[in-house]
Amino acid sequence: MLIRPVAPKDLDALYRIADESGPGFTSLMPDRDALLRKIEHSVESFAREVETPSDEHYLFVLEDPATGSIMGTTGIEACAGQTRPLYHFHHNTVVHHSRELGLRKQVDTLTRCNHYTGCTEICSLYLRPDFRRANAGKLLSRVRFLFMAQHPDRFSSTVIAEMRGVSDAAGQSPFWSWLREHFVDMEFASATSLVGAGYTDFIDELMPGAPLYTHLMSREARAVIGQVHPQTQPALRMLENEGFRPRGFVDLFDAGPTVEAELRRIRSIRQSRRASVILDANASDAPDELMSPMIVANGRLSDFRATITEHDNMLATGESVRIGPRLAENLGLQADGVAWSLPLQPNSASRPHEQPDASAMNAHRFGERHHAH
């Protein structure tokens, strides 16, 4: 499995992913022209010189090098909410109190806001059902943090992820069904398609701006506020292990939660290591199920490459990594070059050279939305 930046040749595969993933996956919609623009913007973002994050969008694909098949996607939006508002509902508790009458009532509300302007957003994670295999989902999720550790100046200090909310087998959201009945007479798929295409004016025009009292909603709508789609639960658990937590912000359409973390405190960023390359003809290229796997990457931008290899290829000092000739060729690495590594299993951090250390990211800085929206 090889992670690389998306390229124009991936348009057909990206369209199939957008079609397979369904209406809740708003960062990739089955529109060839829109997908081509997204690819071109990603290519330009990888090539751009960046001092502070702006509208860059980095989209990666997971490829099977033996067949050329695209297995899935994963992405990072460097500065969300800059070119168009990033709307949420804030789930809050309000207390109505009359001291004179001695009456007190506590109610939950949802208030529309755009709280997360300027944050980095991880998004577009999708693994195609036909290609699900050991560690593929973990690679798609955690490689983004390895990329951020290599290029921290390209990203905000706060990272968010919009998790897909609850919908039924037909793609209908109980939360949206209530909103549609009272505010916006539009199919769920149509509303998410508009947002995916970048059209958000209807949110200001039609969706409620005043607080919504949740006890006035249907029981079905209330039950899914802040809940994730069953297929999204593994992705949410992975992010929770990284240190992501909800802060009461939910999606406007399916009420799925948004989780956030400080960039410098994300587990995978703290565990990422910069190492020199040792070419070793005896080093194993493919991870062994009995060994502890790690992600290894070449640390570049437009020609970024990453894959999984055996954790034991990392030498005891943590300053060098042994790589076989074939793997070095796939990643574009040479002897005495620079590679970055990340243990795939969180408990791998128990080894001395993998203890969390912010100096790895700082040294590099000065030395040189299973689904998410």
Protein backbone atom coordinates (compact mmCIF):
# COMPACT_ATOMS: atom_id res chain seq x y z
CA MET A 1 0.00 0.00 0.00
CA LEU A 2 1.42 3.37 -1.07
CA ILE A 3 0.18 6.84 -0.07
CA ARG A 4 0.85 9.64 -2.57
CA PRO A 5 -0.67 13.01 -3.54
CA VAL A 6 -3.67 12.84 -5.87
CA ALA A 7 -2.95 13.39 -9.59
CA PRO A 8 -5.13 14.22 -12.64
CA LYS A 9 -4.94 10.55 -13.72
CA ASP A 10 -6.94 9.65 -10.58
CA LEU A 11 -10.11 11.45 -11.72
CA ASP A 12 -12.05 8.30 -12.66
CA ALA A 13 -11.13 6.54 -9.42
CA LEU A 14 -12.02 9.64 -7.39
CA TYR A 15 -15.40 9.79 -9.11
CA ARG A 16 -16.08 6.15 -8.19
CA ILE A 17 -15.18 6.90 -4.56
CA ALA A 18 -17.47 9.93 -4.52
CA ASP A 19 -20.29 7.82 -5.93
CA GLU A 20 -19.71 4.89 -3.55
CA SER A 21 -19.43 6.99 -0.40
CA GLY A 22 -22.98 8.38 -0.46
CA PRO A 23 -24.60 11.76 0.28
CA GLY A 24 -23.08 12.23 3.77
CA PHE A 25 -19.56 12.48 2.34
CA THR A 26 -19.71 16.13 1.35
CA SER A 27 -15.97 16.72 0.73
CA LEU A 28 -16.12 14.48 -2.37
CA MET A 29 -19.24 14.73 -4.52
CA PRO A 30 -19.90 12.77 -7.77
CA ASP A 31 -19.35 15.76 -10.04
CA ARG A 32 -16.47 15.28 -12.48
CA ASP A 33 -15.85 18.99 -13.05
CA ALA A 34 -15.82 19.72 -9.31
CA LEU A 35 -13.53 16.75 -8.65
CA LEU A 36 -11.13 17.88 -11.37
CA ARG A 37 -10.98 21.34 -9.79
CA LYS A 38 -10.31 19.71 -6.42
CA ILE A 39 -7.46 17.66 -7.92
CA GLU A 40 -5.95 20.71 -9.61
CA HIS A 41 -6.20 22.72 -6.39
CA SER A 42 -4.49 19.90 -4.46
CA VAL A 43 -1.66 19.67 -7.00
CA GLU A 44 -1.15 23.43 -6.77
CA SER A 45 -1.25 23.31 -2.93
CA PHE A 46 1.52 20.70 -2.74
CA ALA A 47 3.66 22.82 -5.10
CA ARG A 48 3.03 26.13 -3.30
CA GLU A 49 5.59 27.77 -1.01
CA VAL A 50 3.83 28.41 2.31
CA GLU A 51 4.79 30.55 5.29
CA THR A 52 1.37 30.57 6.96
CA PRO A 53 -1.61 28.33 6.14
CA SER A 54 -4.18 29.65 3.68
CA ASP A 55 -6.63 27.92 1.31
CA GLU A 56 -4.35 24.91 0.61
CA HIS A 57 -6.04 21.54 0.30
CA TYR A 58 -3.91 18.40 0.36
CA LEU A 59 -5.60 15.30 -1.05
CA PHE A 60 -3.86 11.91 -0.94
CA VAL A 61 -4.75 8.56 -2.49
CA LEU A 62 -3.96 5.06 -1.27
CA GLU A 63 -2.66 3.00 -4.19
CA ASP A 64 -1.95 -0.69 -4.69
CA PRO A 65 1.38 -0.43 -6.55
CA ALA A 66 1.02 -3.93 -8.00
CA THR A 67 -2.23 -3.14 -9.84
CA GLY A 68 -2.41 0.65 -9.84
CA SER A 69 -5.85 0.46 -8.18
CA ILE A 70 -6.86 3.39 -5.98
CA MET A 71 -7.97 1.90 -2.66
CA GLY A 72 -9.08 5.06 -0.87
CA THR A 73 -8.50 8.73 -0.13
CA THR A 74 -7.57 11.00 2.75
CA GLY A 75 -7.12 14.77 2.93
CA ILE A 76 -6.22 17.89 4.89
CA GLU A 77 -7.71 21.37 4.48
CA ALA A 78 -5.09 23.77 5.83
CA CYS A 79 -7.37 26.64 6.83
CA ALA A 80 -11.07 25.75 6.82
CA GLY A 81 -13.78 28.40 6.68
CA GLN A 82 -11.67 31.03 4.91
CA THR A 83 -13.08 31.02 1.39
CA ARG A 84 -16.61 30.03 2.50
CA PRO A 85 -18.16 29.83 5.96
CA LEU A 86 -17.89 26.58 7.90
CA TYR A 87 -21.24 26.38 9.68
CA HIS A 88 -22.17 24.28 12.71
CA PHE A 89 -24.80 24.10 15.39
CA HIS A 90 -23.48 24.69 18.90
CA HIS A 91 -25.18 22.28 21.31
CA ASN A 92 -25.57 24.18 24.57
CA THR A 93 -27.61 24.27 27.77
CA VAL A 94 -29.60 27.39 28.69
CA VAL A 95 -31.13 28.07 32.11
CA HIS A 96 -34.34 30.16 32.39
CA HIS A 97 -34.71 31.42 35.94
CA SER A 98 -37.22 33.66 37.68
CA ARG A 99 -35.97 34.53 41.16
CA GLU A 100 -39.21 36.32 42.02
CA LEU A 101 -41.39 33.33 41.12
CA GLY A 102 -38.91 30.74 42.26
CA LEU A 103 -39.03 28.96 38.92
CA ARG A 104 -36.07 27.45 37.09
CA LYS A 105 -35.98 25.55 33.79
CA GLN A 106 -32.92 24.07 32.06
CA VAL A 107 -33.19 23.40 28.32
CA ASP A 108 -30.83 22.28 25.54
CA THR A 109 -30.44 24.46 22.45
CA LEU A 110 -28.79 24.37 19.06
CA THR A 111 -27.43 27.70 17.79
CA ARG A 112 -26.01 28.19 14.29
CA CYS A 113 -22.43 29.54 14.23
CA ASN A 114 -19.15 29.48 12.29
CA HIS A 115 -16.84 28.96 15.27
CA TYR A 116 -14.02 27.07 13.50
CA THR A 117 -12.85 29.68 10.96
CA GLY A 118 -9.12 29.26 10.27
CA CYS A 119 -8.66 25.80 11.78
CA THR A 120 -7.01 22.92 9.94
CA GLU A 121 -9.52 20.21 9.01
CA ILE A 122 -8.75 16.56 8.31
CA CYS A 123 -11.25 15.23 5.81
CA SER A 124 -12.02 12.98 2.82
CA LEU A 125 -11.05 9.73 4.54
CA TYR A 126 -12.60 6.83 2.63
CA LEU A 127 -11.48 3.24 2.19
CA ARG A 128 -13.26 1.40 -0.61
CA PRO A 129 -15.05 -1.76 0.60
CA ASP A 130 -13.32 -4.00 -1.96
CA PHE A 131 -9.90 -2.97 -0.62
CA ARG A 132 -10.36 -3.28 3.13
CA ARG A 133 -7.35 -5.03 4.61
CA ALA A 134 -5.16 -4.97 7.71
CA ASN A 135 -3.92 -1.48 8.66
CA ALA A 136 -5.30 0.24 5.55
CA GLY A 137 -7.70 2.44 7.53
CA LYS A 138 -5.03 3.28 10.12
CA LEU A 139 -2.60 4.23 7.37
CA LEU A 140 -5.15 6.57 5.75
CA SER A 141 -5.95 8.21 9.07
CA ARG A 142 -2.50 8.55 10.65
CA VAL A 143 -0.45 9.45 7.56
CA ARG A 144 -2.05 12.91 7.67
CA PHE A 145 -0.51 13.54 11.08
CA LEU A 146 2.88 12.33 9.89
CA PHE A 147 2.63 14.81 7.00
CA MET A 148 1.69 17.61 9.44
CA ALA A 149 4.65 16.75 11.69
CA GLN A 150 6.95 17.17 8.69
CA HIS A 151 5.43 20.49 7.58
CA PRO A 152 3.94 22.17 10.69
CA ASP A 153 4.12 25.70 9.25
CA ARG A 154 1.49 24.71 6.70
CA PHE A 155 -1.19 24.08 9.33
CA SER A 156 -3.15 25.79 12.08
CA SER A 157 -2.58 25.20 15.79
CA THR A 158 -6.08 23.67 16.06
CA VAL A 159 -7.12 20.61 14.03
CA ILE A 160 -10.73 19.51 13.61
CA ALA A 161 -12.62 16.62 12.04
CA GLU A 162 -16.31 16.63 11.11
CA MET A 163 -17.68 13.15 11.72
CA ARG A 164 -20.50 11.71 9.65
CA GLY A 165 -23.79 11.67 11.55
CA VAL A 166 -26.51 9.03 11.73
CA SER A 167 -28.47 8.15 8.59
CA ASP A 168 -30.45 5.08 7.55
CA ALA A 169 -29.72 2.55 4.81
CA ALA A 170 -31.41 4.84 2.28
CA GLY A 171 -29.14 7.74 3.26
CA GLN A 172 -31.87 9.66 5.12
CA SER A 173 -30.95 11.60 8.26
CA PRO A 174 -33.50 11.69 11.12
CA PHE A 175 -32.14 15.08 12.13
CA TRP A 176 -32.52 16.53 8.65
CA SER A 177 -35.99 15.05 8.31
CA TRP A 178 -37.13 17.25 11.20
CA LEU A 179 -35.36 20.34 9.78
CA ARG A 180 -36.88 19.68 6.37
CA GLU A 181 -40.38 19.48 7.82
CA HIS A 182 -40.06 22.84 9.60
CA PHE A 183 -37.52 24.92 7.68
CA VAL A 184 -35.95 23.68 4.43
CA ASP A 185 -38.13 21.59 2.11
CA MET A 186 -35.24 19.84 0.39
CA GLU A 187 -33.96 16.27 0.19
CA PHE A 188 -30.96 15.46 2.40
CA ALA A 189 -28.88 14.42 -0.64
CA SER A 190 -29.72 17.70 -2.41
CA ALA A 191 -28.72 19.81 0.61
CA THR A 192 -25.39 18.03 1.08
CA SER A 193 -24.71 18.20 -2.66
CA LEU A 194 -25.12 21.98 -2.58
CA VAL A 195 -22.66 22.28 0.30
CA GLY A 196 -20.24 19.90 -1.42
CA ALA A 197 -20.40 22.11 -4.52
CA GLY A 198 -19.55 25.17 -2.41
CA TYR A 199 -23.00 26.77 -2.39
CA THR A 200 -23.90 27.81 1.17
CA ASP A 201 -26.11 30.89 0.64
CA PHE A 202 -29.24 28.85 1.33
CA ILE A 203 -28.01 28.25 4.89
CA ASP A 204 -28.30 31.97 5.71
CA GLU A 205 -31.49 32.29 3.69
CA LEU A 206 -33.46 29.26 4.90
CA MET A 207 -31.93 27.65 7.97
CA PRO A 208 -32.78 28.93 11.46
CA GLY A 209 -30.46 31.55 12.91
CA ALA A 210 -32.18 31.78 16.29
CA PRO A 211 -31.56 29.02 18.86
CA LEU A 212 -33.54 25.79 18.41
CA TYR A 213 -34.93 24.23 21.57
CA THR A 214 -34.15 20.55 21.23
CA HIS A 215 -37.08 19.42 23.43
CA LEU A 216 -39.38 20.69 20.65
CA MET A 217 -37.78 18.34 18.12
CA SER A 218 -38.93 14.86 17.31
CA ARG A 219 -37.58 12.04 19.48
CA GLU A 220 -35.74 10.61 16.46
CA ALA A 221 -33.98 13.92 15.73
CA ARG A 222 -32.95 14.46 19.37
CA ALA A 223 -31.56 10.94 19.64
CA VAL A 224 -28.90 11.47 16.94
CA ILE A 225 -27.52 14.87 18.02
CA GLY A 226 -23.78 14.41 18.48
CA GLN A 227 -23.88 10.75 17.40
CA VAL A 228 -21.87 9.19 14.55
CA HIS A 229 -22.87 6.82 11.79
CA PRO A 230 -22.16 3.17 12.78
CA GLN A 231 -19.58 2.88 9.99
CA THR A 232 -17.85 6.00 11.33
CA GLN A 233 -17.34 4.69 14.86
CA PRO A 234 -13.91 3.10 14.11
CA ALA A 235 -12.68 6.40 12.65
CA LEU A 236 -13.94 8.26 15.71
CA ARG A 237 -12.18 5.83 18.06
CA MET A 238 -8.91 6.35 16.17
CA LEU A 239 -9.23 10.12 16.53
CA GLU A 240 -10.08 9.82 20.21
CA ASN A 241 -6.88 7.81 20.66
CA GLU A 242 -5.06 10.72 19.02
CA GLY A 243 -6.48 13.14 21.59
CA PHE A 244 -9.47 14.56 19.67
CA ARG A 245 -12.52 15.52 21.74
CA PRO A 246 -15.96 17.01 20.97
CA ARG A 247 -16.64 20.56 22.08
CA GLY A 248 -20.40 20.69 21.50
CA PHE A 249 -20.37 21.58 17.79
CA VAL A 250 -22.44 19.41 15.43
CA ASP A 251 -23.16 19.34 11.70
CA LEU A 252 -26.06 21.40 10.34
CA PHE A 253 -27.50 18.54 8.32
CA ASP A 254 -27.03 15.25 10.18
CA ALA A 255 -25.94 16.56 13.64
CA GLY A 256 -22.74 14.49 13.56
CA PRO A 257 -20.10 15.76 16.03
CA THR A 258 -17.03 17.81 15.21
CA VAL A 259 -13.98 16.83 17.26
CA GLU A 260 -10.84 18.91 17.79
CA ALA A 261 -7.29 18.73 19.13
CA GLU A 262 -4.23 20.96 19.44
CA LEU A 263 -1.78 20.21 16.64
CA ARG A 264 1.20 19.87 18.98
CA ARG A 265 -0.68 17.49 21.31
CA ILE A 266 -1.89 14.99 18.70
CA ARG A 267 -0.40 11.62 19.63
CA SER A 268 0.87 10.74 16.15
CA ILE A 269 2.54 14.13 15.73
CA ARG A 270 4.34 13.72 19.05
CA GLN A 271 5.44 10.19 18.06
CA SER A 272 6.65 11.09 14.56
CA ARG A 273 10.40 10.82 14.14
CA ARG A 274 12.91 12.18 11.62
CA ALA A 275 15.63 9.61 10.79
CA SER A 276 18.49 9.04 8.39
CA VAL A 277 18.17 6.23 5.85
CA ILE A 278 20.33 3.12 5.87
CA LEU A 279 19.93 0.95 2.77
CA ASP A 280 19.97 -2.69 3.82
CA ALA A 281 19.43 -5.50 1.34
CA ASN A 282 18.35 -7.75 4.21
CA ALA A 283 15.69 -5.38 5.57
CA SER A 284 12.12 -6.56 5.16
CA ASP A 285 9.92 -4.34 2.97
CA ALA A 286 6.52 -5.78 3.89
CA PRO A 287 5.10 -5.68 7.42
CA ASP A 288 4.84 -9.02 9.20
CA GLU A 289 1.61 -9.57 11.16
CA LEU A 290 3.74 -10.79 14.09
CA MET A 291 5.88 -7.65 14.07
CA SER A 292 4.89 -4.13 15.07
CA PRO A 293 4.29 -2.11 11.87
CA MET A 294 5.21 1.53 11.34
CA ILE A 295 4.49 4.17 8.71
CA VAL A 296 7.56 5.43 6.89
CA ALA A 297 7.53 8.46 4.56
CA ASN A 298 10.03 10.40 2.50
CA GLY A 299 9.17 13.79 4.00
CA ARG A 300 8.70 15.65 0.71
CA LEU A 301 5.79 17.67 -0.68
CA SER A 302 4.57 17.18 -4.26
CA ASP A 303 6.37 13.84 -4.47
CA PHE A 304 5.43 12.74 -0.94
CA ARG A 305 5.28 8.96 -0.52
CA ALA A 306 4.45 6.83 2.51
CA THR A 307 3.80 3.16 3.27
CA ILE A 308 3.94 0.59 6.08
CA THR A 309 6.99 -1.45 7.00
CA GLU A 310 8.17 -3.40 10.05
CA HIS A 311 8.70 -1.40 13.20
CA ASP A 312 11.87 -3.37 13.96
CA ASN A 313 13.50 -1.69 10.97
CA MET A 314 13.86 1.38 13.19
CA LEU A 315 17.23 1.14 14.88
CA ALA A 316 17.49 1.30 18.66
CA THR A 317 18.69 4.92 18.69
CA GLY A 318 15.61 6.09 16.83
CA GLU A 319 17.86 8.20 14.61
CA SER A 320 18.17 5.80 11.66
CA VAL A 321 15.87 3.50 9.76
CA ARG A 322 16.84 0.41 7.74
CA ILE A 323 15.10 0.24 4.38
CA GLY A 324 15.35 -2.40 1.67
CA PRO A 325 16.18 -1.39 -1.93
CA ARG A 326 12.68 -2.00 -3.24
CA LEU A 327 11.02 0.06 -0.54
CA ALA A 328 13.61 2.81 -0.97
CA GLU A 329 12.81 2.93 -4.70
CA ASN A 330 9.04 3.11 -4.05
CA LEU A 331 9.50 5.98 -1.59
CA GLY A 332 12.22 7.77 -3.58
CA LEU A 333 14.76 7.42 -0.75
CA GLN A 334 18.54 7.11 -0.94
CA ALA A 335 21.25 6.12 1.53
CA ASP A 336 21.90 8.86 4.10
CA GLY A 337 18.72 10.61 3.01
CA VAL A 338 15.94 11.65 5.39
CA ALA A 339 12.86 9.57 6.21
CA TRP A 340 10.08 10.08 8.74
CA SER A 341 8.54 7.25 10.76
CA LEU A 342 5.51 6.72 12.97
CA PRO A 343 4.62 3.54 14.93
CA LEU A 344 1.23 2.32 13.74
CA GLN A 345 0.13 0.94 17.11
CA PRO A 346 -0.30 3.47 19.95
CA ASN A 347 1.27 1.10 22.49
CA SER A 348 4.47 1.09 20.43
CA ALA A 349 5.30 4.37 22.19
CA SER A 350 6.51 2.36 25.17
CA ARG A 351 9.87 1.92 23.44
CA PRO A 352 12.40 4.48 24.67
CA HIS A 353 13.16 6.13 21.34
CA GLU A 354 9.48 6.72 20.63
CA GLN A 355 8.52 8.67 23.73
CA PRO A 356 6.48 11.77 22.81
CA ASP A 357 8.86 14.68 22.25
CA ALA A 358 7.86 18.00 20.75
CA SER A 359 11.50 18.66 19.82
CA ALA A 360 11.15 16.45 16.72
CA MET A 361 8.60 18.84 15.26
CA ASN A 362 10.36 21.98 16.51
CA ALA A 363 13.73 20.87 15.13
CA HIS A 364 12.17 20.45 11.69
CA ARG A 365 10.34 23.77 11.94
CA PHE A 366 13.53 25.71 12.57
CA GLY A 367 15.93 23.44 10.71
CA GLU A 368 14.49 23.84 7.43
CA ARG A 369 -14.37 16.66 7.21
CA HIS A 370 -14.47 5.22 8.79
CA HIS A 371 -16.06 8.47 7.00
CA ALA A 372 -15.46 12.12 7.64
CA HIS A 373 -17.18 14.97 5.83
